[in-house]
Amino acid sequence: LLLLSGMLIRCNRQLREEVKRQDRN
């Protein structure tokens, strides 16, 4: 459960960065 939570948090962080990059573009 901790491993899965960590993976979801990391995926969420990457998606947020992608949204910021597309917003800047």
mmCIF file of all heavy atoms, coordinates in Angstrom:
data_MODEL
# 
_entry.id   MODEL 
# 
loop_
_atom_site.group_PDB 
_atom_site.id 
_atom_site.type_symbol 
_atom_site.label_atom_id 
_atom_site.label_alt_id 
_atom_site.label_comp_id 
_atom_site.label_asym_id 
_atom_site.label_entity_id 
_atom_site.label_seq_id 
_atom_site.pdbx_PDB_ins_code 
_atom_site.Cartn_x 
_atom_site.Cartn_y 
_atom_site.Cartn_z 
_atom_site.occupancy 
_atom_site.B_iso_or_equiv 
_atom_site.pdbx_formal_charge 
_atom_site.auth_seq_id 
_atom_site.auth_comp_id 
_atom_site.auth_asym_id 
_atom_site.auth_atom_id 
_atom_site.pdbx_PDB_model_num 
ATOM 1   N N   . LEU A 1 1  ? 0.830  -1.211 0.000   1.00 0.00 ? 1  LEU A N   1 
ATOM 2   C CA  . LEU A 1 1  ? 0.000  0.000  0.000   1.00 0.00 ? 1  LEU A CA  1 
ATOM 3   C C   . LEU A 1 1  ? 0.865  1.263  0.000   1.00 0.00 ? 1  LEU A C   1 
ATOM 4   O O   . LEU A 1 1  ? 0.566  2.222  -0.718  1.00 0.00 ? 1  LEU A O   1 
ATOM 5   C CB  . LEU A 1 1  ? -0.931 -0.018 1.223   1.00 0.00 ? 1  LEU A CB  1 
ATOM 6   C CG  . LEU A 1 1  ? -2.072 0.981  1.220   1.00 0.00 ? 1  LEU A CG  1 
ATOM 7   C CD1 . LEU A 1 1  ? -2.979 0.746  0.026   1.00 0.00 ? 1  LEU A CD1 1 
ATOM 8   C CD2 . LEU A 1 1  ? -2.858 0.881  2.516   1.00 0.00 ? 1  LEU A CD2 1 
ATOM 9   N N   . LEU A 1 2  ? 1.948  1.259  0.781   1.00 0.00 ? 2  LEU A N   1 
ATOM 10  C CA  . LEU A 1 2  ? 2.868  2.410  0.796   1.00 0.00 ? 2  LEU A CA  1 
ATOM 11  C C   . LEU A 1 2  ? 3.556  2.575  -0.553  1.00 0.00 ? 2  LEU A C   1 
ATOM 12  O O   . LEU A 1 2  ? 3.734  3.696  -1.040  1.00 0.00 ? 2  LEU A O   1 
ATOM 13  C CB  . LEU A 1 2  ? 3.893  2.246  1.912   1.00 0.00 ? 2  LEU A CB  1 
ATOM 14  C CG  . LEU A 1 2  ? 3.386  2.459  3.330   1.00 0.00 ? 2  LEU A CG  1 
ATOM 15  C CD1 . LEU A 1 2  ? 4.480  2.130  4.329   1.00 0.00 ? 2  LEU A CD1 1 
ATOM 16  C CD2 . LEU A 1 2  ? 2.899  3.881  3.523   1.00 0.00 ? 2  LEU A CD2 1 
ATOM 17  N N   . LEU A 1 3  ? 3.968  1.468  -1.150  1.00 0.00 ? 3  LEU A N   1 
ATOM 18  C CA  . LEU A 1 3  ? 4.611  1.518  -2.462  1.00 0.00 ? 3  LEU A CA  1 
ATOM 19  C C   . LEU A 1 3  ? 3.657  2.069  -3.515  1.00 0.00 ? 3  LEU A C   1 
ATOM 20  O O   . LEU A 1 3  ? 4.026  2.929  -4.325  1.00 0.00 ? 3  LEU A O   1 
ATOM 21  C CB  . LEU A 1 3  ? 5.093  0.124  -2.860  1.00 0.00 ? 3  LEU A CB  1 
ATOM 22  C CG  . LEU A 1 3  ? 5.791  0.014  -4.208  1.00 0.00 ? 3  LEU A CG  1 
ATOM 23  C CD1 . LEU A 1 3  ? 7.118  0.759  -4.167  1.00 0.00 ? 3  LEU A CD1 1 
ATOM 24  C CD2 . LEU A 1 3  ? 5.991  -1.434 -4.576  1.00 0.00 ? 3  LEU A CD2 1 
ATOM 25  N N   . LEU A 1 4  ? 2.432  1.591  -3.491  1.00 0.00 ? 4  LEU A N   1 
ATOM 26  C CA  . LEU A 1 4  ? 1.430  2.071  -4.441  1.00 0.00 ? 4  LEU A CA  1 
ATOM 27  C C   . LEU A 1 4  ? 1.126  3.553  -4.224  1.00 0.00 ? 4  LEU A C   1 
ATOM 28  O O   . LEU A 1 4  ? 0.999  4.316  -5.195  1.00 0.00 ? 4  LEU A O   1 
ATOM 29  C CB  . LEU A 1 4  ? 0.149  1.238  -4.313  1.00 0.00 ? 4  LEU A CB  1 
ATOM 30  C CG  . LEU A 1 4  ? -0.924 1.485  -5.358  1.00 0.00 ? 4  LEU A CG  1 
ATOM 31  C CD1 . LEU A 1 4  ? -0.389 1.183  -6.735  1.00 0.00 ? 4  LEU A CD1 1 
ATOM 32  C CD2 . LEU A 1 4  ? -2.154 0.651  -5.062  1.00 0.00 ? 4  LEU A CD2 1 
ATOM 33  N N   . SER A 1 5  ? 1.040  3.972  -2.971  1.00 0.00 ? 5  SER A N   1 
ATOM 34  C CA  . SER A 1 5  ? 0.808  5.401  -2.669  1.00 0.00 ? 5  SER A CA  1 
ATOM 35  C C   . SER A 1 5  ? 1.960  6.254  -3.168  1.00 0.00 ? 5  SER A C   1 
ATOM 36  O O   . SER A 1 5  ? 1.753  7.329  -3.727  1.00 0.00 ? 5  SER A O   1 
ATOM 37  C CB  . SER A 1 5  ? 0.629  5.602  -1.170  1.00 0.00 ? 5  SER A CB  1 
ATOM 38  O OG  . SER A 1 5  ? -0.494 4.908  -0.694  1.00 0.00 ? 5  SER A OG  1 
ATOM 39  N N   . GLY A 1 6  ? 3.177  5.771  -2.972  1.00 0.00 ? 6  GLY A N   1 
ATOM 40  C CA  . GLY A 1 6  ? 4.346  6.505  -3.458  1.00 0.00 ? 6  GLY A CA  1 
ATOM 41  C C   . GLY A 1 6  ? 4.337  6.649  -4.970  1.00 0.00 ? 6  GLY A C   1 
ATOM 42  O O   . GLY A 1 6  ? 4.655  7.709  -5.518  1.00 0.00 ? 6  GLY A O   1 
ATOM 43  N N   . MET A 1 7  ? 3.973  5.578  -5.663  1.00 0.00 ? 7  MET A N   1 
ATOM 44  C CA  . MET A 1 7  ? 3.902  5.642  -7.120  1.00 0.00 ? 7  MET A CA  1 
ATOM 45  C C   . MET A 1 7  ? 2.826  6.606  -7.588  1.00 0.00 ? 7  MET A C   1 
ATOM 46  O O   . MET A 1 7  ? 3.032  7.354  -8.547  1.00 0.00 ? 7  MET A O   1 
ATOM 47  C CB  . MET A 1 7  ? 3.649  4.241  -7.688  1.00 0.00 ? 7  MET A CB  1 
ATOM 48  C CG  . MET A 1 7  ? 4.838  3.310  -7.569  1.00 0.00 ? 7  MET A CG  1 
ATOM 49  S SD  . MET A 1 7  ? 4.513  1.599  -8.054  1.00 0.00 ? 7  MET A SD  1 
ATOM 50  C CE  . MET A 1 7  ? 3.798  1.780  -9.650  1.00 0.00 ? 7  MET A CE  1 
ATOM 51  N N   . LEU A 1 8  ? 1.686  6.616  -6.919  1.00 0.00 ? 8  LEU A N   1 
ATOM 52  C CA  . LEU A 1 8  ? 0.609  7.540  -7.291  1.00 0.00 ? 8  LEU A CA  1 
ATOM 53  C C   . LEU A 1 8  ? 0.996  8.992  -7.029  1.00 0.00 ? 8  LEU A C   1 
ATOM 54  O O   . LEU A 1 8  ? 0.683  9.874  -7.823  1.00 0.00 ? 8  LEU A O   1 
ATOM 55  C CB  . LEU A 1 8  ? -0.676 7.183  -6.546  1.00 0.00 ? 8  LEU A CB  1 
ATOM 56  C CG  . LEU A 1 8  ? -1.378 5.915  -7.021  1.00 0.00 ? 8  LEU A CG  1 
ATOM 57  C CD1 . LEU A 1 8  ? -2.554 5.576  -6.113  1.00 0.00 ? 8  LEU A CD1 1 
ATOM 58  C CD2 . LEU A 1 8  ? -1.820 6.048  -8.455  1.00 0.00 ? 8  LEU A CD2 1 
ATOM 59  N N   . ILE A 1 9  ? 1.693  9.252  -5.923  1.00 0.00 ? 9  ILE A N   1 
ATOM 60  C CA  . ILE A 1 9  ? 2.148  10.614 -5.616  1.00 0.00 ? 9  ILE A CA  1 
ATOM 61  C C   . ILE A 1 9  ? 3.146  11.076 -6.673  1.00 0.00 ? 9  ILE A C   1 
ATOM 62  O O   . ILE A 1 9  ? 3.075  12.217 -7.151  1.00 0.00 ? 9  ILE A O   1 
ATOM 63  C CB  . ILE A 1 9  ? 2.742  10.668 -4.194  1.00 0.00 ? 9  ILE A CB  1 
ATOM 64  C CG1 . ILE A 1 9  ? 1.622  10.517 -3.158  1.00 0.00 ? 9  ILE A CG1 1 
ATOM 65  C CG2 . ILE A 1 9  ? 3.519  11.954 -3.976  1.00 0.00 ? 9  ILE A CG2 1 
ATOM 66  C CD1 . ILE A 1 9  ? 2.115  10.347 -1.737  1.00 0.00 ? 9  ILE A CD1 1 
ATOM 67  N N   . ARG A 1 10 ? 4.068  10.174 -7.053  1.00 0.00 ? 10 ARG A N   1 
ATOM 68  C CA  . ARG A 1 10 ? 5.058  10.529 -8.076  1.00 0.00 ? 10 ARG A CA  1 
ATOM 69  C C   . ARG A 1 10 ? 4.376  10.802 -9.425  1.00 0.00 ? 10 ARG A C   1 
ATOM 70  O O   . ARG A 1 10 ? 4.708  11.771 -10.123 1.00 0.00 ? 10 ARG A O   1 
ATOM 71  C CB  . ARG A 1 10 ? 6.061  9.406  -8.208  1.00 0.00 ? 10 ARG A CB  1 
ATOM 72  C CG  . ARG A 1 10 ? 7.140  9.675  -9.215  1.00 0.00 ? 10 ARG A CG  1 
ATOM 73  C CD  . ARG A 1 10 ? 8.206  8.601  -9.167  1.00 0.00 ? 10 ARG A CD  1 
ATOM 74  N NE  . ARG A 1 10 ? 9.001  8.673  -10.350 1.00 0.00 ? 10 ARG A NE  1 
ATOM 75  C CZ  . ARG A 1 10 ? 9.202  7.664  -11.181 1.00 0.00 ? 10 ARG A CZ  1 
ATOM 76  N NH1 . ARG A 1 10 ? 8.693  6.491  -10.938 1.00 0.00 ? 10 ARG A NH1 1 
ATOM 77  N NH2 . ARG A 1 10 ? 9.938  7.826  -12.244 1.00 0.00 ? 10 ARG A NH2 1 
ATOM 78  N N   . CYS A 1 11 ? 3.409  9.974  -9.791  1.00 0.00 ? 11 CYS A N   1 
ATOM 79  C CA  . CYS A 1 11 ? 2.670  10.160 -11.043 1.00 0.00 ? 11 CYS A CA  1 
ATOM 80  C C   . CYS A 1 11 ? 1.897  11.483 -11.021 1.00 0.00 ? 11 CYS A C   1 
ATOM 81  O O   . CYS A 1 11 ? 1.869  12.210 -12.022 1.00 0.00 ? 11 CYS A O   1 
ATOM 82  C CB  . CYS A 1 11 ? 1.739  8.990  -11.263 1.00 0.00 ? 11 CYS A CB  1 
ATOM 83  S SG  . CYS A 1 11 ? 0.841  9.059  -12.818 1.00 0.00 ? 11 CYS A SG  1 
ATOM 84  N N   . ASN A 1 12 ? 1.291  11.787 -9.875  1.00 0.00 ? 12 ASN A N   1 
ATOM 85  C CA  . ASN A 1 12 ? 0.561  13.044 -9.727  1.00 0.00 ? 12 ASN A CA  1 
ATOM 86  C C   . ASN A 1 12 ? 1.490  14.245 -9.884  1.00 0.00 ? 12 ASN A C   1 
ATOM 87  O O   . ASN A 1 12 ? 1.151  15.229 -10.542 1.00 0.00 ? 12 ASN A O   1 
ATOM 88  C CB  . ASN A 1 12 ? -0.137 13.067 -8.363  1.00 0.00 ? 12 ASN A CB  1 
ATOM 89  C CG  . ASN A 1 12 ? -1.059 14.249 -8.212  1.00 0.00 ? 12 ASN A CG  1 
ATOM 90  O OD1 . ASN A 1 12 ? -1.290 14.994 -9.146  1.00 0.00 ? 12 ASN A OD1 1 
ATOM 91  N ND2 . ASN A 1 12 ? -1.590 14.425 -7.026  1.00 0.00 ? 12 ASN A ND2 1 
ATOM 92  N N   . ARG A 1 13 ? 2.681  14.179 -9.302  1.00 0.00 ? 13 ARG A N   1 
ATOM 93  C CA  . ARG A 1 13 ? 3.662  15.264 -9.411  1.00 0.00 ? 13 ARG A CA  1 
ATOM 94  C C   . ARG A 1 13 ? 4.082  15.466 -10.866 1.00 0.00 ? 13 ARG A C   1 
ATOM 95  O O   . ARG A 1 13 ? 4.172  16.603 -11.351 1.00 0.00 ? 13 ARG A O   1 
ATOM 96  C CB  . ARG A 1 13 ? 4.864  14.962 -8.531  1.00 0.00 ? 13 ARG A CB  1 
ATOM 97  C CG  . ARG A 1 13 ? 5.855  16.118 -8.460  1.00 0.00 ? 13 ARG A CG  1 
ATOM 98  C CD  . ARG A 1 13 ? 7.024  15.856 -7.540  1.00 0.00 ? 13 ARG A CD  1 
ATOM 99  N NE  . ARG A 1 13 ? 6.583  15.498 -6.206  1.00 0.00 ? 13 ARG A NE  1 
ATOM 100 C CZ  . ARG A 1 13 ? 7.043  14.435 -5.525  1.00 0.00 ? 13 ARG A CZ  1 
ATOM 101 N NH1 . ARG A 1 13 ? 7.954  13.642 -6.049  1.00 0.00 ? 13 ARG A NH1 1 
ATOM 102 N NH2 . ARG A 1 13 ? 6.598  14.178 -4.314  1.00 0.00 ? 13 ARG A NH2 1 
ATOM 103 N N   . GLN A 1 14 ? 4.311  14.358 -11.595 1.00 0.00 ? 14 GLN A N   1 
ATOM 104 C CA  . GLN A 1 14 ? 4.701  14.467 -12.996 1.00 0.00 ? 14 GLN A CA  1 
ATOM 105 C C   . GLN A 1 14 ? 3.580  15.069 -13.840 1.00 0.00 ? 14 GLN A C   1 
ATOM 106 O O   . GLN A 1 14 ? 3.838  15.888 -14.728 1.00 0.00 ? 14 GLN A O   1 
ATOM 107 C CB  . GLN A 1 14 ? 5.077  13.088 -13.537 1.00 0.00 ? 14 GLN A CB  1 
ATOM 108 C CG  . GLN A 1 14 ? 6.380  12.556 -13.011 1.00 0.00 ? 14 GLN A CG  1 
ATOM 109 C CD  . GLN A 1 14 ? 6.648  11.137 -13.473 1.00 0.00 ? 14 GLN A CD  1 
ATOM 110 O OE1 . GLN A 1 14 ? 5.743  10.441 -13.925 1.00 0.00 ? 14 GLN A OE1 1 
ATOM 111 N NE2 . GLN A 1 14 ? 7.897  10.706 -13.350 1.00 0.00 ? 14 GLN A NE2 1 
ATOM 112 N N   . LEU A 1 15 ? 2.350  14.673 -13.559 1.00 0.00 ? 15 LEU A N   1 
ATOM 113 C CA  . LEU A 1 15 ? 1.221  15.228 -14.305 1.00 0.00 ? 15 LEU A CA  1 
ATOM 114 C C   . LEU A 1 15 ? 1.047  16.714 -14.020 1.00 0.00 ? 15 LEU A C   1 
ATOM 115 O O   . LEU A 1 15 ? 0.735  17.486 -14.923 1.00 0.00 ? 15 LEU A O   1 
ATOM 116 C CB  . LEU A 1 15 ? -0.061 14.469 -13.980 1.00 0.00 ? 15 LEU A CB  1 
ATOM 117 C CG  . LEU A 1 15 ? -0.148 13.050 -14.552 1.00 0.00 ? 15 LEU A CG  1 
ATOM 118 C CD1 . LEU A 1 15 ? -1.379 12.339 -14.031 1.00 0.00 ? 15 LEU A CD1 1 
ATOM 119 C CD2 . LEU A 1 15 ? -0.132 13.089 -16.063 1.00 0.00 ? 15 LEU A CD2 1 
ATOM 120 N N   . ARG A 1 16 ? 1.247  17.125 -12.782 1.00 0.00 ? 16 ARG A N   1 
ATOM 121 C CA  . ARG A 1 16 ? 1.163  18.555 -12.440 1.00 0.00 ? 16 ARG A CA  1 
ATOM 122 C C   . ARG A 1 16 ? 2.245  19.357 -13.164 1.00 0.00 ? 16 ARG A C   1 
ATOM 123 O O   . ARG A 1 16 ? 1.988  20.452 -13.648 1.00 0.00 ? 16 ARG A O   1 
ATOM 124 C CB  . ARG A 1 16 ? 1.267  18.757 -10.933 1.00 0.00 ? 16 ARG A CB  1 
ATOM 125 C CG  . ARG A 1 16 ? 0.026  18.368 -10.183 1.00 0.00 ? 16 ARG A CG  1 
ATOM 126 C CD  . ARG A 1 16 ? 0.255  18.568 -8.690  1.00 0.00 ? 16 ARG A CD  1 
ATOM 127 N NE  . ARG A 1 16 ? -0.839 18.028 -7.924  1.00 0.00 ? 16 ARG A NE  1 
ATOM 128 C CZ  . ARG A 1 16 ? -1.829 18.775 -7.440  1.00 0.00 ? 16 ARG A CZ  1 
ATOM 129 N NH1 . ARG A 1 16 ? -1.832 20.064 -7.638  1.00 0.00 ? 16 ARG A NH1 1 
ATOM 130 N NH2 . ARG A 1 16 ? -2.799 18.209 -6.754  1.00 0.00 ? 16 ARG A NH2 1 
ATOM 131 N N   . GLU A 1 17 ? 3.462  18.810 -13.240 1.00 0.00 ? 17 GLU A N   1 
ATOM 132 C CA  . GLU A 1 17 ? 4.540  19.485 -13.970 1.00 0.00 ? 17 GLU A CA  1 
ATOM 133 C C   . GLU A 1 17 ? 4.201  19.590 -15.456 1.00 0.00 ? 17 GLU A C   1 
ATOM 134 O O   . GLU A 1 17 ? 4.475  20.606 -16.088 1.00 0.00 ? 17 GLU A O   1 
ATOM 135 C CB  . GLU A 1 17 ? 5.867  18.746 -13.776 1.00 0.00 ? 17 GLU A CB  1 
ATOM 136 C CG  . GLU A 1 17 ? 6.504  18.974 -12.439 1.00 0.00 ? 17 GLU A CG  1 
ATOM 137 C CD  . GLU A 1 17 ? 6.867  20.424 -12.206 1.00 0.00 ? 17 GLU A CD  1 
ATOM 138 O OE1 . GLU A 1 17 ? 7.397  21.075 -13.125 1.00 0.00 ? 17 GLU A OE1 1 
ATOM 139 O OE2 . GLU A 1 17 ? 6.614  20.913 -11.089 1.00 0.00 ? 17 GLU A OE2 1 
ATOM 140 N N   . GLU A 1 18 ? 3.616  18.547 -16.017 1.00 0.00 ? 18 GLU A N   1 
ATOM 141 C CA  . GLU A 1 18 ? 3.226  18.575 -17.431 1.00 0.00 ? 18 GLU A CA  1 
ATOM 142 C C   . GLU A 1 18 ? 2.151  19.630 -17.680 1.00 0.00 ? 18 GLU A C   1 
ATOM 143 O O   . GLU A 1 18 ? 2.183  20.341 -18.686 1.00 0.00 ? 18 GLU A O   1 
ATOM 144 C CB  . GLU A 1 18 ? 2.739  17.189 -17.857 1.00 0.00 ? 18 GLU A CB  1 
ATOM 145 C CG  . GLU A 1 18 ? 2.299  17.094 -19.293 1.00 0.00 ? 18 GLU A CG  1 
ATOM 146 C CD  . GLU A 1 18 ? 3.419  17.305 -20.301 1.00 0.00 ? 18 GLU A CD  1 
ATOM 147 O OE1 . GLU A 1 18 ? 4.611  17.207 -19.938 1.00 0.00 ? 18 GLU A OE1 1 
ATOM 148 O OE2 . GLU A 1 18 ? 3.100  17.595 -21.463 1.00 0.00 ? 18 GLU A OE2 1 
ATOM 149 N N   . VAL A 1 19 ? 1.195  19.751 -16.768 1.00 0.00 ? 19 VAL A N   1 
ATOM 150 C CA  . VAL A 1 19 ? 0.153  20.775 -16.910 1.00 0.00 ? 19 VAL A CA  1 
ATOM 151 C C   . VAL A 1 19 ? 0.781  22.162 -16.839 1.00 0.00 ? 19 VAL A C   1 
ATOM 152 O O   . VAL A 1 19 ? 0.427  23.054 -17.623 1.00 0.00 ? 19 VAL A O   1 
ATOM 153 C CB  . VAL A 1 19 ? -0.941 20.586 -15.835 1.00 0.00 ? 19 VAL A CB  1 
ATOM 154 C CG1 . VAL A 1 19 ? -1.825 21.809 -15.741 1.00 0.00 ? 19 VAL A CG1 1 
ATOM 155 C CG2 . VAL A 1 19 ? -1.762 19.355 -16.138 1.00 0.00 ? 19 VAL A CG2 1 
ATOM 156 N N   . LYS A 1 20 ? 1.728  22.378 -15.930 1.00 0.00 ? 20 LYS A N   1 
ATOM 157 C CA  . LYS A 1 20 ? 2.409  23.676 -15.835 1.00 0.00 ? 20 LYS A CA  1 
ATOM 158 C C   . LYS A 1 20 ? 3.172  23.986 -17.120 1.00 0.00 ? 20 LYS A C   1 
ATOM 159 O O   . LYS A 1 20 ? 3.145  25.113 -17.613 1.00 0.00 ? 20 LYS A O   1 
ATOM 160 C CB  . LYS A 1 20 ? 3.372  23.690 -14.647 1.00 0.00 ? 20 LYS A CB  1 
ATOM 161 C CG  . LYS A 1 20 ? 2.704  23.774 -13.312 1.00 0.00 ? 20 LYS A CG  1 
ATOM 162 C CD  . LYS A 1 20 ? 3.746  23.790 -12.206 1.00 0.00 ? 20 LYS A CD  1 
ATOM 163 C CE  . LYS A 1 20 ? 3.107  23.739 -10.835 1.00 0.00 ? 20 LYS A CE  1 
ATOM 164 N NZ  . LYS A 1 20 ? 4.112  23.674 -9.767  1.00 0.00 ? 20 LYS A NZ  1 
ATOM 165 N N   . ARG A 1 21 ? 3.861  22.983 -17.679 1.00 0.00 ? 21 ARG A N   1 
ATOM 166 C CA  . ARG A 1 21 ? 4.617  23.182 -18.914 1.00 0.00 ? 21 ARG A CA  1 
ATOM 167 C C   . ARG A 1 21 ? 3.686  23.545 -20.062 1.00 0.00 ? 21 ARG A C   1 
ATOM 168 O O   . ARG A 1 21 ? 3.950  24.478 -20.825 1.00 0.00 ? 21 ARG A O   1 
ATOM 169 C CB  . ARG A 1 21 ? 5.394  21.905 -19.256 1.00 0.00 ? 21 ARG A CB  1 
ATOM 170 C CG  . ARG A 1 21 ? 6.256  22.030 -20.511 1.00 0.00 ? 21 ARG A CG  1 
ATOM 171 C CD  . ARG A 1 21 ? 6.894  20.712 -20.867 1.00 0.00 ? 21 ARG A CD  1 
ATOM 172 N NE  . ARG A 1 21 ? 5.932  19.770 -21.393 1.00 0.00 ? 21 ARG A NE  1 
ATOM 173 C CZ  . ARG A 1 21 ? 5.568  19.702 -22.679 1.00 0.00 ? 21 ARG A CZ  1 
ATOM 174 N NH1 . ARG A 1 21 ? 6.076  20.539 -23.560 1.00 0.00 ? 21 ARG A NH1 1 
ATOM 175 N NH2 . ARG A 1 21 ? 4.697  18.808 -23.087 1.00 0.00 ? 21 ARG A NH2 1 
ATOM 176 N N   . GLN A 1 22 ? 2.579  22.843 -20.186 1.00 0.00 ? 22 GLN A N   1 
ATOM 177 C CA  . GLN A 1 22 ? 1.635  23.152 -21.247 1.00 0.00 ? 22 GLN A CA  1 
ATOM 178 C C   . GLN A 1 22 ? 0.982  24.515 -21.046 1.00 0.00 ? 22 GLN A C   1 
ATOM 179 O O   . GLN A 1 22 ? 0.710  25.224 -22.015 1.00 0.00 ? 22 GLN A O   1 
ATOM 180 C CB  . GLN A 1 22 ? 0.584  22.051 -21.347 1.00 0.00 ? 22 GLN A CB  1 
ATOM 181 C CG  . GLN A 1 22 ? 1.148  20.764 -21.901 1.00 0.00 ? 22 GLN A CG  1 
ATOM 182 C CD  . GLN A 1 22 ? 0.114  19.669 -22.053 1.00 0.00 ? 22 GLN A CD  1 
ATOM 183 O OE1 . GLN A 1 22 ? -1.061 19.869 -21.791 1.00 0.00 ? 22 GLN A OE1 1 
ATOM 184 N NE2 . GLN A 1 22 ? 0.564  18.499 -22.475 1.00 0.00 ? 22 GLN A NE2 1 
ATOM 185 N N   . ASP A 1 23 ? 0.767  24.907 -19.797 1.00 0.00 ? 23 ASP A N   1 
ATOM 186 C CA  . ASP A 1 23 ? 0.230  26.236 -19.507 1.00 0.00 ? 23 ASP A CA  1 
ATOM 187 C C   . ASP A 1 23 ? 1.221  27.326 -19.916 1.00 0.00 ? 23 ASP A C   1 
ATOM 188 O O   . ASP A 1 23 ? 0.852  28.350 -20.495 1.00 0.00 ? 23 ASP A O   1 
ATOM 189 C CB  . ASP A 1 23 ? -0.123 26.341 -18.026 1.00 0.00 ? 23 ASP A CB  1 
ATOM 190 C CG  . ASP A 1 23 ? -0.869 27.603 -17.704 1.00 0.00 ? 23 ASP A CG  1 
ATOM 191 O OD1 . ASP A 1 23 ? -1.759 27.987 -18.500 1.00 0.00 ? 23 ASP A OD1 1 
ATOM 192 O OD2 . ASP A 1 23 ? -0.573 28.218 -16.659 1.00 0.00 ? 23 ASP A OD2 1 
ATOM 193 N N   . ARG A 1 24 ? 2.514  27.094 -19.616 1.00 0.00 ? 24 ARG A N   1 
ATOM 194 C CA  . ARG A 1 24 ? 3.544  28.058 -20.041 1.00 0.00 ? 24 ARG A CA  1 
ATOM 195 C C   . ARG A 1 24 ? 3.602  28.148 -21.556 1.00 0.00 ? 24 ARG A C   1 
ATOM 196 O O   . ARG A 1 24 ? 3.730  29.229 -22.129 1.00 0.00 ? 24 ARG A O   1 
ATOM 197 C CB  . ARG A 1 24 ? 4.908  27.667 -19.465 1.00 0.00 ? 24 ARG A CB  1 
ATOM 198 C CG  . ARG A 1 24 ? 5.065  27.946 -17.998 1.00 0.00 ? 24 ARG A CG  1 
ATOM 199 C CD  . ARG A 1 24 ? 6.505  27.796 -17.556 1.00 0.00 ? 24 ARG A CD  1 
ATOM 200 N NE  . ARG A 1 24 ? 7.047  26.473 -17.794 1.00 0.00 ? 24 ARG A NE  1 
ATOM 201 C CZ  . ARG A 1 24 ? 7.122  25.499 -16.894 1.00 0.00 ? 24 ARG A CZ  1 
ATOM 202 N NH1 . ARG A 1 24 ? 6.668  25.687 -15.684 1.00 0.00 ? 24 ARG A NH1 1 
ATOM 203 N NH2 . ARG A 1 24 ? 7.658  24.338 -17.210 1.00 0.00 ? 24 ARG A NH2 1 
ATOM 204 N N   . ASN A 1 25 ? 3.511  26.999 -22.248 1.00 0.00 ? 25 ASN A N   1 
ATOM 205 C CA  . ASN A 1 25 ? 3.526  27.004 -23.716 1.00 0.00 ? 25 ASN A CA  1 
ATOM 206 C C   . ASN A 1 25 ? 2.338  27.769 -24.275 1.00 0.00 ? 25 ASN A C   1 
ATOM 207 O O   . ASN A 1 25 ? 2.461  28.517 -25.247 1.00 0.00 ? 25 ASN A O   1 
ATOM 208 C CB  . ASN A 1 25 ? 3.528  25.578 -24.256 1.00 0.00 ? 25 ASN A CB  1 
ATOM 209 C CG  . ASN A 1 25 ? 4.887  24.936 -24.211 1.00 0.00 ? 25 ASN A CG  1 
ATOM 210 O OD1 . ASN A 1 25 ? 5.899  25.607 -24.027 1.00 0.00 ? 25 ASN A OD1 1 
ATOM 211 N ND2 . ASN A 1 25 ? 4.921  23.635 -24.369 1.00 0.00 ? 25 ASN A ND2 1 
# 
